[in-house]
Amino acid sequence: MAVNKLLGDKERFLKIYANLPLGVRQEIILVLADKGPITWNAAFIEVNAKTALSRVILQKLKKLEII
């Protein structure tokens, strides 16, 4: 069940990312205590690679109601 929910978050993120102007993709969207600032581009790389960090990023973005 959690996997389907994660895929939904990933799809929402990718849809938002695809519609961002190129300049906005370099802006910081979130700061993680252990990793520092995360830009849209950094988040895209992590989400696209399906890393453990991508799960954290997607959860935080959902909590902040960005996705």
N, C-alpha and C. Protein backbone atom coordinates (compact mmCIF):
# COMPACT_ATOMS: atom_id res chain seq x y z
N MET A 1 0.82 -1.19 0.00
CA MET A 1 0.00 0.00 0.00
C MET A 1 0.87 1.26 0.00
N ALA A 2 1.93 1.28 0.81
CA ALA A 2 2.80 2.45 0.90
C ALA A 2 3.52 2.70 -0.43
N VAL A 3 3.82 1.63 -1.16
CA VAL A 3 4.50 1.79 -2.45
C VAL A 3 3.61 2.56 -3.42
N ASN A 4 2.34 2.23 -3.48
CA ASN A 4 1.43 2.95 -4.37
C ASN A 4 1.32 4.42 -3.99
N LYS A 5 1.31 4.70 -2.71
CA LYS A 5 1.23 6.08 -2.24
C LYS A 5 2.51 6.83 -2.62
N LEU A 6 3.66 6.18 -2.51
CA LEU A 6 4.92 6.81 -2.88
C LEU A 6 4.96 7.09 -4.38
N LEU A 7 4.46 6.19 -5.17
CA LEU A 7 4.41 6.42 -6.62
C LEU A 7 3.52 7.60 -6.94
N GLY A 8 2.42 7.75 -6.22
CA GLY A 8 1.55 8.90 -6.43
C GLY A 8 2.26 10.20 -6.11
N ASP A 9 3.04 10.21 -5.04
CA ASP A 9 3.82 11.40 -4.68
C ASP A 9 4.86 11.69 -5.75
N LYS A 10 5.51 10.65 -6.24
CA LYS A 10 6.52 10.82 -7.28
C LYS A 10 5.90 11.41 -8.54
N GLU A 11 4.77 10.90 -8.92
CA GLU A 11 4.09 11.41 -10.12
C GLU A 11 3.70 12.87 -9.95
N ARG A 12 3.18 13.23 -8.78
CA ARG A 12 2.83 14.63 -8.53
C ARG A 12 4.07 15.52 -8.59
N PHE A 13 5.16 15.06 -7.99
CA PHE A 13 6.40 15.83 -8.03
C PHE A 13 6.86 16.04 -9.47
N LEU A 14 6.88 14.98 -10.25
CA LEU A 14 7.35 15.08 -11.64
C LEU A 14 6.47 16.00 -12.47
N LYS A 15 5.16 15.98 -12.22
CA LYS A 15 4.25 16.86 -12.95
C LYS A 15 4.54 18.33 -12.61
N ILE A 16 4.75 18.62 -11.33
CA ILE A 16 5.06 19.99 -10.92
C ILE A 16 6.42 20.41 -11.48
N TYR A 17 7.41 19.54 -11.37
CA TYR A 17 8.76 19.83 -11.85
C TYR A 17 8.75 20.13 -13.35
N ALA A 18 8.01 19.36 -14.11
CA ALA A 18 7.96 19.54 -15.56
C ALA A 18 7.39 20.90 -15.95
N ASN A 19 6.54 21.46 -15.11
CA ASN A 19 5.90 22.74 -15.43
C ASN A 19 6.62 23.95 -14.85
N LEU A 20 7.74 23.73 -14.17
CA LEU A 20 8.50 24.85 -13.59
C LEU A 20 9.36 25.53 -14.65
N PRO A 21 9.47 26.84 -14.59
CA PRO A 21 10.43 27.53 -15.45
C PRO A 21 11.86 27.09 -15.08
N LEU A 22 12.75 27.11 -16.05
CA LEU A 22 14.12 26.63 -15.81
C LEU A 22 14.81 27.36 -14.67
N GLY A 23 14.61 28.64 -14.54
CA GLY A 23 15.25 29.40 -13.47
C GLY A 23 14.78 29.00 -12.08
N VAL A 24 13.53 28.64 -11.96
CA VAL A 24 12.95 28.25 -10.67
C VAL A 24 13.50 26.91 -10.21
N ARG A 25 13.89 26.07 -11.14
CA ARG A 25 14.40 24.74 -10.79
C ARG A 25 15.70 24.81 -9.99
N GLN A 26 16.37 25.94 -10.00
CA GLN A 26 17.61 26.09 -9.24
C GLN A 26 17.37 26.67 -7.85
N GLU A 27 16.12 26.96 -7.52
CA GLU A 27 15.79 27.52 -6.21
C GLU A 27 15.66 26.43 -5.16
N ILE A 28 15.96 26.79 -3.93
CA ILE A 28 15.86 25.86 -2.80
C ILE A 28 14.39 25.67 -2.43
N ILE A 29 14.00 24.40 -2.28
CA ILE A 29 12.61 24.12 -1.91
C ILE A 29 12.50 23.54 -0.51
N LEU A 30 13.64 23.10 0.03
CA LEU A 30 13.58 22.42 1.32
C LEU A 30 14.99 22.34 1.89
N VAL A 31 15.09 22.37 3.20
CA VAL A 31 16.38 22.23 3.87
C VAL A 31 16.28 21.04 4.82
N LEU A 32 17.17 20.08 4.61
CA LEU A 32 17.22 18.91 5.47
C LEU A 32 18.37 19.07 6.45
N ALA A 33 18.14 18.74 7.71
CA ALA A 33 19.15 18.95 8.75
C ALA A 33 20.47 18.25 8.43
N ASP A 34 20.40 17.03 7.93
CA ASP A 34 21.62 16.27 7.68
C ASP A 34 22.19 16.44 6.27
N LYS A 35 21.41 16.96 5.33
CA LYS A 35 21.85 17.09 3.93
C LYS A 35 21.98 18.52 3.46
N GLY A 36 21.39 19.46 4.17
CA GLY A 36 21.45 20.86 3.77
C GLY A 36 20.35 21.22 2.80
N PRO A 37 20.55 22.31 2.04
CA PRO A 37 19.49 22.77 1.12
C PRO A 37 19.31 21.83 -0.08
N ILE A 38 18.06 21.67 -0.47
CA ILE A 38 17.70 20.83 -1.62
C ILE A 38 16.99 21.72 -2.63
N THR A 39 17.50 21.76 -3.85
CA THR A 39 16.85 22.52 -4.93
C THR A 39 15.90 21.59 -5.67
N TRP A 40 15.09 22.19 -6.54
CA TRP A 40 14.21 21.38 -7.39
C TRP A 40 15.04 20.40 -8.21
N ASN A 41 16.17 20.86 -8.77
CA ASN A 41 17.01 19.99 -9.59
C ASN A 41 17.58 18.83 -8.79
N ALA A 42 18.07 19.11 -7.59
CA ALA A 42 18.61 18.05 -6.73
C ALA A 42 17.52 17.05 -6.36
N ALA A 43 16.35 17.56 -6.05
CA ALA A 43 15.23 16.68 -5.72
C ALA A 43 14.86 15.81 -6.92
N PHE A 44 14.87 16.39 -8.11
CA PHE A 44 14.55 15.62 -9.32
C PHE A 44 15.54 14.48 -9.51
N ILE A 45 16.82 14.76 -9.33
CA ILE A 45 17.84 13.72 -9.51
C ILE A 45 17.62 12.59 -8.52
N GLU A 46 17.34 12.93 -7.28
CA GLU A 46 17.11 11.91 -6.24
C GLU A 46 15.84 11.11 -6.52
N VAL A 47 14.76 11.81 -6.86
CA VAL A 47 13.48 11.13 -7.12
C VAL A 47 13.59 10.25 -8.35
N ASN A 48 14.24 10.73 -9.38
CA ASN A 48 14.39 9.97 -10.62
C ASN A 48 15.22 8.70 -10.39
N ALA A 49 16.21 8.77 -9.49
CA ALA A 49 17.06 7.62 -9.19
C ALA A 49 16.46 6.69 -8.13
N LYS A 50 15.33 7.09 -7.55
CA LYS A 50 14.63 6.30 -6.53
C LYS A 50 15.54 5.98 -5.34
N THR A 51 16.24 6.97 -4.85
CA THR A 51 17.14 6.78 -3.71
C THR A 51 16.36 6.83 -2.39
N ALA A 52 17.04 6.44 -1.32
CA ALA A 52 16.42 6.53 0.00
C ALA A 52 16.13 7.99 0.34
N LEU A 53 17.00 8.88 -0.08
CA LEU A 53 16.79 10.31 0.16
C LEU A 53 15.53 10.81 -0.55
N SER A 54 15.22 10.22 -1.69
CA SER A 54 14.03 10.66 -2.43
C SER A 54 12.76 10.44 -1.62
N ARG A 55 12.71 9.37 -0.84
CA ARG A 55 11.53 9.11 -0.01
C ARG A 55 11.38 10.21 1.04
N VAL A 56 12.50 10.63 1.62
CA VAL A 56 12.47 11.69 2.62
C VAL A 56 12.02 13.00 1.98
N ILE A 57 12.58 13.30 0.81
CA ILE A 57 12.22 14.53 0.09
C ILE A 57 10.74 14.55 -0.23
N LEU A 58 10.22 13.46 -0.77
CA LEU A 58 8.80 13.41 -1.14
C LEU A 58 7.91 13.55 0.09
N GLN A 59 8.28 12.92 1.19
CA GLN A 59 7.49 13.04 2.42
C GLN A 59 7.46 14.48 2.91
N LYS A 60 8.62 15.14 2.91
CA LYS A 60 8.69 16.53 3.37
C LYS A 60 7.90 17.46 2.46
N LEU A 61 8.01 17.27 1.15
CA LEU A 61 7.28 18.11 0.21
C LEU A 61 5.78 17.92 0.35
N LYS A 62 5.37 16.70 0.63
CA LYS A 62 3.94 16.44 0.84
C LYS A 62 3.47 17.10 2.13
N LYS A 63 4.29 17.00 3.18
CA LYS A 63 3.94 17.61 4.47
C LYS A 63 3.82 19.13 4.33
N LEU A 64 4.69 19.72 3.50
CA LEU A 64 4.65 21.16 3.26
C LEU A 64 3.57 21.56 2.24
N GLU A 65 2.86 20.57 1.73
CA GLU A 65 1.80 20.75 0.73
C GLU A 65 2.31 21.39 -0.56
N ILE A 66 3.55 21.04 -0.93
CA ILE A 66 4.10 21.48 -2.21
C ILE A 66 3.68 20.50 -3.30
N ILE A 67 3.57 19.23 -2.92
CA ILE A 67 3.07 18.23 -3.87
C ILE A 67 1.79 17.63 -3.34
